[in-house]
C-alpha atoms as a PDB file:
ATOM      1  CA  MET A   1     -49.329  36.428  13.465  1.00  0.00           C
ATOM      2  CA  SER A   2     -48.801  39.943  14.602  1.00  0.00           C
ATOM      3  CA  GLY A   3     -45.897  39.101  17.056  1.00  0.00           C
ATOM      4  CA  THR A   4     -42.293  38.576  16.158  1.00  0.00           C
ATOM      5  CA  LEU A   5     -39.545  35.953  17.346  1.00  0.00           C
ATOM      6  CA  ASN A   6     -35.859  36.291  17.620  1.00  0.00           C
ATOM      7  CA  LYS A   7     -34.645  32.824  19.045  1.00  0.00           C
ATOM      8  CA  VAL A   8     -31.381  31.048  18.257  1.00  0.00           C
ATOM      9  CA  MET A   9     -30.610  27.521  19.663  1.00  0.00           C
ATOM     10  CA  LEU A  10     -27.080  26.102  18.867  1.00  0.00           C
ATOM     11  CA  ILE A  11     -25.016  23.080  19.854  1.00  0.00           C
ATOM     12  CA  GLY A  12     -21.604  23.308  18.961  1.00  0.00           C
ATOM     13  CA  HIS A  13     -17.753  23.274  20.176  1.00  0.00           C
ATOM     14  CA  LEU A  14     -15.829  26.386  21.335  1.00  0.00           C
ATOM     15  CA  GLY A  15     -13.370  27.377  18.752  1.00  0.00           C
ATOM     16  CA  ASP A  16     -11.234  29.491  21.292  1.00  0.00           C
ATOM     17  CA  GLU A  17     -11.027  30.106  25.171  1.00  0.00           C
ATOM     18  CA  VAL A  18     -13.706  32.427  26.641  1.00  0.00           C
ATOM     19  CA  LYS A  19     -12.438  36.042  26.732  1.00  0.00           C
ATOM     20  CA  ILE A  20     -14.005  38.111  29.581  1.00  0.00           C
ATOM     21  CA  HIS A  21     -14.086  41.952  29.928  1.00  0.00           C
ATOM     22  CA  TYR A  22     -15.076  43.636  33.088  1.00  0.00           C
ATOM     23  CA  PHE A  23     -16.575  47.131  33.395  1.00  0.00           C
ATOM     24  CA  GLU A  24     -16.793  49.745  36.117  1.00  0.00           C
ATOM     25  CA  GLY A  25     -19.732  48.677  38.519  1.00  0.00           C
ATOM     26  CA  GLY A  26     -18.918  44.979  38.336  1.00  0.00           C
ATOM     27  CA  ASN A  27     -20.545  44.052  35.215  1.00  0.00           C
ATOM     28  CA  CYS A  28     -18.917  41.956  32.642  1.00  0.00           C
ATOM     29  CA  ILE A  29     -19.325  40.442  29.144  1.00  0.00           C
ATOM     30  CA  ALA A  30     -17.649  37.198  27.643  1.00  0.00           C
ATOM     31  CA  ARG A  31     -17.198  36.395  24.068  1.00  0.00           C
ATOM     32  CA  PHE A  32     -16.152  33.355  22.247  1.00  0.00           C
ATOM     33  CA  PRO A  33     -16.560  31.649  18.821  1.00  0.00           C
ATOM     34  CA  LEU A  34     -18.773  28.594  18.417  1.00  0.00           C
ATOM     35  CA  ALA A  35     -18.464  26.107  15.602  1.00  0.00           C
ATOM     36  CA  THR A  36     -21.421  24.179  14.231  1.00  0.00           C
ATOM     37  CA  ASN A  37     -20.940  21.453  11.652  1.00  0.00           C
ATOM     38  CA  GLU A  38     -23.068  20.100   8.677  1.00  0.00           C
ATOM     39  CA  THR A  39     -22.015  16.748   7.366  1.00  0.00           C
ATOM     40  CA  TYR A  40     -23.421  15.259   4.278  1.00  0.00           C
ATOM     41  CA  THR A  41     -22.188  12.637   1.632  1.00  0.00           C
ATOM     42  CA  ASN A  42     -21.714  14.187  -1.935  1.00  0.00           C
ATOM     43  CA  LYS A  43     -23.907  12.062  -4.219  1.00  0.00           C
ATOM     44  CA  GLN A  44     -21.675  12.580  -7.246  1.00  0.00           C
ATOM     45  CA  THR A  45     -18.460  11.585  -5.653  1.00  0.00           C
ATOM     46  CA  GLY A  46     -19.634   9.401  -2.696  1.00  0.00           C
ATOM     47  CA  GLU A  47     -17.308  11.744  -0.438  1.00  0.00           C
ATOM     48  CA  ARG A  48     -18.379  12.837   2.978  1.00  0.00           C
ATOM     49  CA  VAL A  49     -18.370  16.701   3.225  1.00  0.00           C
ATOM     50  CA  THR A  50     -18.261  18.646   6.414  1.00  0.00           C
ATOM     51  CA  ASN A  51     -19.365  22.505   6.292  1.00  0.00           C
ATOM     52  CA  THR A  52     -18.503  24.527   9.528  1.00  0.00           C
ATOM     53  CA  ASP A  53     -20.376  27.559  10.521  1.00  0.00           C
ATOM     54  CA  TRP A  54     -18.963  30.144  13.023  1.00  0.00           C
ATOM     55  CA  HIS A  55     -21.056  32.067  15.322  1.00  0.00           C
ATOM     56  CA  ASN A  56     -19.896  35.015  17.500  1.00  0.00           C
ATOM     57  CA  ILE A  57     -21.174  34.143  21.129  1.00  0.00           C
ATOM     58  CA  VAL A  58     -21.919  36.980  23.638  1.00  0.00           C
ATOM     59  CA  ILE A  59     -22.748  36.174  27.419  1.00  0.00           C
ATOM     60  CA  ARG A  60     -23.052  38.761  30.067  1.00  0.00           C
ATOM     61  CA  ASN A  61     -22.361  39.025  33.965  1.00  0.00           C
ATOM     62  CA  LYS A  62     -22.618  35.826  36.232  1.00  0.00           C
ATOM     63  CA  ALA A  63     -23.323  33.646  33.235  1.00  0.00           C
ATOM     64  CA  ALA A  64     -20.223  34.988  31.665  1.00  0.00           C
ATOM     65  CA  GLU A  65     -18.085  34.327  34.909  1.00  0.00           C
ATOM     66  CA  ILE A  66     -19.333  30.697  34.981  1.00  0.00           C
ATOM     67  CA  CYS A  67     -18.434  30.140  31.179  1.00  0.00           C
ATOM     68  CA  GLU A  68     -14.873  31.476  31.730  1.00  0.00           C
ATOM     69  CA  LYS A  69     -14.389  29.263  34.708  1.00  0.00           C
ATOM     70  CA  TYR A  70     -15.679  25.898  33.141  1.00  0.00           C
ATOM     71  CA  LEU A  71     -15.428  26.258  29.447  1.00  0.00           C
ATOM     72  CA  SER A  72     -12.283  25.898  27.309  1.00  0.00           C
ATOM     73  CA  LYS A  73     -11.677  25.415  23.613  1.00  0.00           C
ATOM     74  CA  GLY A  74     -13.208  22.281  22.057  1.00  0.00           C
ATOM     75  CA  ASP A  75     -15.956  21.872  24.710  1.00  0.00           C
ATOM     76  CA  LYS A  76     -19.359  21.168  23.615  1.00  0.00           C
ATOM     77  CA  VAL A  77     -22.366  23.324  24.750  1.00  0.00           C
ATOM     78  CA  TYR A  78     -26.009  23.954  24.087  1.00  0.00           C
ATOM     79  CA  LEU A  79     -26.841  27.760  23.850  1.00  0.00           C
ATOM     80  CA  GLU A  80     -30.362  29.690  23.655  1.00  0.00           C
ATOM     81  CA  GLY A  81     -30.347  33.332  22.761  1.00  0.00           C
ATOM     82  CA  ARG A  82     -31.221  36.057  20.254  1.00  0.00           C
ATOM     83  CA  LEU A  83     -29.535  37.527  17.304  1.00  0.00           C
ATOM     84  CA  LYS A  84     -28.131  41.067  17.369  1.00  0.00           C
ATOM     85  CA  ASN A  85     -26.560  42.906  14.791  1.00  0.00           C
ATOM     86  CA  ARG A  86     -23.720  45.605  15.459  1.00  0.00           C
ATOM     87  CA  GLN A  87     -21.809  47.971  13.348  1.00  0.00           C
ATOM     88  CA  TRP A  88     -18.833  50.117  14.182  1.00  0.00           C
ATOM     89  CA  GLN A  89     -16.179  52.058  12.403  1.00  0.00           C
ATOM     90  CA  GLY A  90     -12.802  50.181  11.732  1.00  0.00           C
ATOM     91  CA  GLU A  91      -9.359  51.744  12.270  1.00  0.00           C
ATOM     92  CA  ASP A  92      -9.285  52.149   8.497  1.00  0.00           C
ATOM     93  CA  GLY A  93     -12.413  54.230   8.483  1.00  0.00           C
ATOM     94  CA  ASN A  94     -14.731  51.671   6.898  1.00  0.00           C
ATOM     95  CA  THR A  95     -18.087  50.533   8.509  1.00  0.00           C
ATOM     96  CA  ARG A  96     -17.829  47.044   9.767  1.00  0.00           C
ATOM     97  CA  TYR A  97     -20.852  44.733  10.635  1.00  0.00           C
ATOM     98  CA  THR A  98     -21.145  41.637  12.799  1.00  0.00           C
ATOM     99  CA  THR A  99     -23.864  39.356  13.693  1.00  0.00           C
ATOM    100  CA  GLU A 100     -23.746  38.033  17.357  1.00  0.00           C
ATOM    101  CA  VAL A 101     -25.792  35.506  19.379  1.00  0.00           C
ATOM    102  CA  HIS A 102     -26.702  37.040  22.809  1.00  0.00           C
ATOM    103  CA  VAL A 103     -27.124  34.106  25.065  1.00  0.00           C
ATOM    104  CA  GLN A 104     -29.975  33.912  27.567  1.00  0.00           C
ATOM    105  CA  ASP A 105     -29.764  30.213  28.521  1.00  0.00           C
ATOM    106  CA  PHE A 106     -26.964  27.545  28.288  1.00  0.00           C
ATOM    107  CA  THR A 107     -25.901  24.002  29.230  1.00  0.00           C
ATOM    108  CA  PHE A 108     -22.454  22.517  29.152  1.00  0.00           C
ATOM    109  CA  LEU A 109     -22.905  19.083  27.282  1.00  0.00           C
ATOM    110  CA  SER A 110     -19.188  17.739  27.377  1.00  0.00           C
ATOM    111  CA  THR A 111     -15.573  18.765  27.776  1.00  0.00           C
ATOM    112  CA  LYS A 112     -12.878  18.369  25.191  1.00  0.00           C
ATOM    113  CA  LYS A 113     -11.354  15.462  27.423  1.00  0.00           C
ATOM    114  CA  GLU A 114     -14.778  13.705  27.546  1.00  0.00           C
ATOM    115  CA  SER A 115     -15.020  13.847  23.591  1.00  0.00           C
ATOM    116  CA  MET A 116     -11.437  12.469  23.226  1.00  0.00           C
ATOM    117  CA  ALA A 117     -12.130   9.750  25.829  1.00  0.00           C
ATOM    118  CA  ASN A 118     -15.236   8.688  24.043  1.00  0.00           C
ATOM    119  CA  ALA A 119     -13.301   8.530  20.585  1.00  0.00           C
ATOM    120  CA  GLN A 120     -10.519   6.383  22.173  1.00  0.00           C
ATOM    121  CA  GLN A 121     -12.916   4.120  23.782  1.00  0.00           C
ATOM    122  CA  GLY A 122     -14.334   3.302  20.572  1.00  0.00           C
ATOM    123  CA  SER A 123     -10.758   2.253  19.575  1.00  0.00           C
ATOM    124  CA  GLY A 124     -10.328   0.124  22.477  1.00  0.00           C
ATOM    125  CA  THR A 125      -8.082   2.428  24.624  1.00  0.00           C
ATOM    126  CA  ILE A 126      -9.241   4.099  27.800  1.00  0.00           C
ATOM    127  CA  PRO A 127      -7.229   7.171  28.950  1.00  0.00           C
ATOM    128  CA  GLN A 128      -6.304   7.363  32.567  1.00  0.00           C
ATOM    129  CA  ASN A 129      -6.292  11.207  32.630  1.00  0.00           C
ATOM    130  CA  GLU A 130      -7.401  13.482  35.315  1.00  0.00           C
ATOM    131  CA  PRO A 131     -11.315  13.718  36.095  1.00  0.00           C
ATOM    132  CA  ALA A 132     -13.672  15.834  34.068  1.00  0.00           C
ATOM    133  CA  ARG A 133     -14.499  19.325  35.197  1.00  0.00           C
ATOM    134  CA  PRO A 134     -18.018  19.644  36.643  1.00  0.00           C
ATOM    135  CA  THR A 135     -20.696  20.686  34.153  1.00  0.00           C
ATOM    136  CA  PRO A 136     -23.122  23.225  35.811  1.00  0.00           C
ATOM    137  CA  SER A 137     -26.074  24.642  34.059  1.00  0.00           C
ATOM    138  CA  ALA A 138     -27.385  28.064  33.797  1.00  0.00           C
ATOM    139  CA  ALA A 139     -30.998  26.838  32.935  1.00  0.00           C
ATOM    140  CA  PRO A 140     -32.724  23.625  32.948  1.00  0.00           C
ATOM    141  CA  VAL A 141     -32.547  22.085  29.363  1.00  0.00           C
ATOM    142  CA  GLU A 142     -34.083  18.549  28.712  1.00  0.00           C
ATOM    143  CA  GLU A 143     -31.367  16.016  28.124  1.00  0.00           C
ATOM    144  CA  THR A 144     -31.536  13.801  25.176  1.00  0.00           C
ATOM    145  CA  GLU A 145     -29.777  10.661  24.430  1.00  0.00           C
ATOM    146  CA  GLN A 146     -26.008  11.076  24.381  1.00  0.00           C
ATOM    147  CA  ASP A 147     -25.277   8.717  21.484  1.00  0.00           C
ATOM    148  CA  ASP A 148     -27.595  10.319  19.043  1.00  0.00           C
ATOM    149  CA  ASP A 149     -26.800  10.911  15.431  1.00  0.00           C
ATOM    150  CA  LEU A 150     -26.700  14.545  15.296  1.00  0.00           C
ATOM    151  CA  PRO A 151     -24.478  16.025  12.584  1.00  0.00           C
ATOM    152  CA  PHE A 152     -22.448  18.203  15.097  1.00  0.00           C
END
C-alpha cells in the first residue's frame, strides 16, 4: 500500500470547558481535553480497574463556536480527526512537545445532565431538572444503540 492514513476516532467526555481564542480576520480555535476510559477486571485480584487516557482536542472556526456554545465539562462527544505533533520553547528554555487531535467531524452524544439522569433512573429516582440542551451535529454519523456495553 503506497498511501498513508492519519485518522483518529474518539468517544469520550470533556475534561474541562471549551476554551476559544479569536484571531484577526474572524478565525478562531477551540481547545479542550477529552478523557477516554478502558475498564477491565484484574484476573489476579478480581478488582475492576479503569485507566483514563487524556487527549488534547483542537477545533477551528465555525465548528469551534458550536462546541463552545453547546459543550461543557462532562459531556460525551464523538470526534473524528487527525493527529498533529507540535513543539515549542517553554519559558524555561526547554523544548516542549504535544500531540493534538485536530477535529474534522464531531457529534454530540449526551450532556452531563443526561448522563446523571440515566444513572439516577437506574436507582429509581428521576430528576426534575431543566431540559437538556439541543445536540446539533457538525457531520452525519450513524447512531448506534444507546445502551451498548462500550467501556467508555
